[in-house]
Protein backbone atom coordinates (compact mmCIF):
# COMPACT_ATOMS: atom_id res chain seq x y z
CA MET A 1 -144.25 -31.26 80.02
CA ALA A 2 -142.78 -31.31 76.44
CA LYS A 3 -140.82 -34.03 74.93
CA VAL A 4 -138.16 -33.45 72.32
CA LEU A 5 -138.46 -35.68 69.21
CA TYR A 6 -136.09 -35.86 66.22
CA SER A 7 -138.46 -37.30 63.30
CA VAL A 8 -136.69 -37.54 59.87
CA THR A 9 -136.71 -39.54 56.69
CA ALA A 10 -133.27 -41.07 55.78
CA SER A 11 -131.98 -42.93 53.17
CA ALA A 12 -131.06 -46.52 53.78
CA ASP A 13 -127.47 -45.31 53.78
CA GLY A 14 -128.19 -42.73 56.50
CA PHE A 15 -128.30 -39.39 54.63
CA ILE A 16 -131.32 -37.09 55.44
CA SER A 17 -130.47 -34.80 52.19
CA GLY A 18 -128.41 -35.51 49.01
CA PRO A 19 -125.84 -33.14 47.88
CA ASP A 20 -126.08 -29.66 48.48
CA GLY A 21 -129.11 -30.09 50.59
CA ASP A 22 -131.38 -31.62 47.90
CA MET A 23 -134.52 -32.94 49.35
CA GLN A 24 -136.13 -33.95 46.06
CA TRP A 25 -135.05 -37.57 46.52
CA MET A 26 -138.05 -38.05 49.11
CA ARG A 27 -140.89 -37.37 46.44
CA PRO A 28 -141.50 -40.91 45.81
CA TYR A 29 -141.50 -41.79 49.59
CA LEU A 30 -144.23 -39.11 50.77
CA GLY A 31 -147.22 -41.20 50.20
CA PRO A 32 -149.62 -42.05 52.94
CA ASN A 33 -148.05 -43.08 56.28
CA PRO A 34 -150.33 -43.98 59.38
CA GLU A 35 -147.38 -43.40 61.56
CA VAL A 36 -147.13 -39.55 60.65
CA ASP A 37 -150.91 -39.21 60.31
CA ASP A 38 -150.85 -40.32 64.18
CA LEU A 39 -147.77 -38.22 65.05
CA VAL A 40 -148.71 -34.95 63.31
CA PRO A 41 -151.55 -34.05 66.01
CA ARG A 42 -149.12 -34.93 69.08
CA ILE A 43 -146.65 -32.03 67.79
CA GLY A 44 -146.80 -28.77 69.82
CA SER A 45 -144.02 -26.90 68.05
CA LEU A 46 -141.23 -27.26 65.83
CA LEU A 47 -137.58 -26.38 66.32
CA ILE A 48 -135.88 -26.05 63.15
CA GLY A 49 -132.21 -25.06 61.86
CA ARG A 50 -132.00 -22.30 59.45
CA ARG A 51 -130.65 -24.52 56.41
CA SER A 52 -133.63 -26.94 56.88
CA HIS A 53 -135.99 -24.02 57.09
CA ASP A 54 -134.76 -22.60 53.84
CA GLY A 55 -134.05 -25.79 52.20
CA ASP A 56 -135.17 -27.70 49.12
CA ASP A 57 -139.08 -28.40 49.89
CA PRO A 58 -139.90 -32.01 48.75
CA HIS A 59 -143.45 -30.84 48.32
CA LYS A 60 -142.14 -28.36 45.62
CA GLY A 61 -145.14 -27.40 43.54
CA ASP A 62 -147.63 -29.34 45.52
CA PRO A 63 -150.33 -27.83 47.88
CA GLY A 64 -148.64 -27.41 51.32
CA GLU A 65 -145.14 -26.44 49.88
CA GLY A 66 -143.15 -24.79 52.42
CA GLN A 67 -145.25 -25.94 55.14
CA ALA A 68 -144.39 -28.64 57.87
CA PHE A 69 -145.72 -32.04 56.93
CA GLY A 70 -146.82 -30.92 53.59
CA GLY A 71 -149.18 -28.40 55.10
CA GLY A 72 -150.60 -31.31 57.65
CA TRP A 73 -149.51 -29.35 60.54
CA SER A 74 -149.68 -25.79 61.76
CA GLY A 75 -148.51 -24.27 64.98
CA PRO A 76 -145.47 -22.39 66.56
CA VAL A 77 -142.06 -22.53 64.62
CA TYR A 78 -138.87 -21.74 66.09
CA VAL A 79 -135.98 -21.12 63.56
CA VAL A 80 -132.28 -21.31 64.90
CA THR A 81 -130.37 -18.83 63.34
CA HIS A 82 -127.53 -16.34 63.36
CA ARG A 83 -128.75 -14.69 60.45
CA PRO A 84 -132.40 -13.49 60.76
CA PRO A 85 -133.94 -12.84 57.67
CA THR A 86 -134.82 -8.95 56.56
CA ASP A 87 -138.40 -9.97 55.71
CA PRO A 88 -139.37 -12.45 58.41
CA GLU A 89 -142.12 -15.07 57.36
CA ALA A 90 -145.40 -14.67 59.32
CA GLY A 91 -145.74 -17.38 62.19
CA VAL A 92 -142.17 -17.92 62.60
CA THR A 93 -139.99 -16.85 65.61
CA TYR A 94 -136.27 -16.48 64.61
CA VAL A 95 -133.83 -16.98 67.54
CA ASP A 96 -130.14 -16.61 67.54
CA ASP A 97 -129.45 -18.66 70.53
CA PHE A 98 -130.22 -22.67 70.61
CA ALA A 99 -130.99 -22.76 74.35
CA THR A 100 -133.54 -19.80 74.07
CA ALA A 101 -135.19 -21.09 71.07
CA LEU A 102 -135.41 -24.66 72.55
CA ALA A 103 -136.83 -23.29 75.96
CA GLN A 104 -139.35 -21.32 73.87
CA ALA A 105 -140.41 -24.22 71.84
CA LYS A 106 -140.83 -26.47 74.89
CA GLU A 107 -142.91 -23.91 76.47
CA ALA A 108 -145.01 -23.59 73.19
CA ALA A 109 -145.50 -27.29 72.79
CA GLY A 110 -147.02 -27.77 76.33
CA ASP A 111 -147.61 -31.38 76.83
CA ARG A 112 -146.88 -32.28 73.13
CA TYR A 113 -143.72 -32.86 71.31
CA VAL A 114 -141.10 -30.46 70.16
CA ASN A 115 -140.43 -31.88 66.90
CA VAL A 116 -136.80 -31.15 65.65
CA ILE A 117 -135.93 -30.64 62.00
CA GLY A 118 -132.35 -30.49 61.09
CA ALA A 119 -129.29 -32.38 61.64
CA SER A 120 -127.36 -29.92 63.53
CA ILE A 121 -130.20 -28.95 65.67
CA ALA A 122 -130.64 -32.66 66.61
CA ARG A 123 -126.88 -32.96 67.26
CA GLN A 124 -127.22 -29.82 69.43
CA CYS A 125 -130.33 -31.22 71.42
CA ILE A 126 -128.12 -34.52 71.91
CA GLU A 127 -124.99 -32.54 73.15
CA ALA A 128 -127.39 -30.41 75.54
CA GLY A 129 -128.99 -33.56 77.00
CA GLU A 130 -132.43 -32.47 75.63
CA LEU A 131 -133.22 -35.23 73.12
CA ASP A 132 -135.90 -37.67 74.31
CA GLU A 133 -136.89 -39.72 71.38
CA VAL A 134 -136.07 -40.52 67.35
CA LEU A 135 -138.16 -41.39 64.94
CA VAL A 136 -136.56 -42.47 61.52
CA PHE A 137 -138.50 -43.30 58.50
CA TYR A 138 -135.74 -45.20 56.23
CA ALA A 139 -136.77 -44.95 52.70
CA PRO A 140 -135.76 -47.64 50.26
CA VAL A 141 -132.99 -45.59 48.18
CA LEU A 142 -129.23 -45.21 48.61
CA LEU A 143 -128.21 -41.77 48.26
CA GLY A 144 -124.15 -42.13 48.65
CA ASP A 145 -123.65 -38.29 49.75
CA GLY A 146 -125.41 -35.62 51.52
CA THR A 147 -126.19 -34.82 55.05
CA ARG A 148 -125.99 -37.65 57.38
CA LEU A 149 -128.65 -38.25 60.08
CA PHE A 150 -126.27 -38.09 62.77
CA GLU A 151 -122.80 -36.64 62.59
CA HIS A 152 -120.37 -35.93 65.30
CA ALA A 153 -116.52 -35.27 64.52
CA GLY A 154 -114.62 -37.67 66.11
CA GLY A 155 -117.59 -39.88 66.84
CA ARG A 156 -120.02 -40.34 69.74
CA THR A 157 -122.16 -43.21 71.12
CA VAL A 158 -125.81 -42.07 71.66
CA ARG A 159 -127.52 -45.25 73.16
CA LEU A 160 -131.06 -45.79 71.93
CA GLU A 161 -133.93 -48.35 72.97
CA ARG A 162 -136.11 -49.17 69.97
CA THR A 163 -139.81 -48.78 70.91
CA SER A 164 -141.47 -49.74 67.82
CA VAL A 165 -140.97 -50.46 64.11
CA THR A 166 -143.68 -50.02 61.55
CA GLU A 167 -143.51 -50.85 57.97
CA THR A 168 -145.15 -48.92 54.97
CA ALA A 169 -145.06 -49.32 51.22
CA GLN A 170 -142.82 -46.07 51.35
CA ALA A 171 -140.63 -46.65 54.25
CA THR A 172 -139.91 -48.53 57.41
CA SER A 173 -140.11 -46.33 60.56
CA LEU A 174 -137.92 -47.08 63.76
CA TRP A 175 -138.94 -45.12 66.99
CA PHE A 176 -136.33 -44.96 69.88
CA LYS A 177 -136.06 -43.62 73.26
CA VAL A 178 -132.64 -41.99 73.94
CA LEU A 179 -130.95 -43.40 76.67
């Protein structure tokens, strides 16, 4: 049975994108990472928010631009959106209902991870009680503004249990189980 994982790179001050969805801040921190190399083959499908799907790719200009993990992963992609494109991208399923998209992504993932991309989709997974794990790659940079790793109006406590910590030259990763 698939597990739902929110994996994301964040600044030390907790932002996953800069102002206006800018993702170019990540470029210096995308070097080799054994934790990512180990994770990628364990991903069975992606569940992505439309803004993240259409966002500012940190691999802009590199081979693999516009592809998950810079082209290091391929498989079924489910984009949650109320605005499906008129010219859909090949290999991407656009779904206008979160619960339906999650169910399809879990079925497609089999016994591997559904990897969540996007703060809004991660928050919806939390609210639905469907998020199993969180993997955050903290980059040594402060952004000061942008999209937060997790934001819930009025606050919300989500208890996590740390299962591992890994350090590389580019980032420190913290892997958590959602309690």
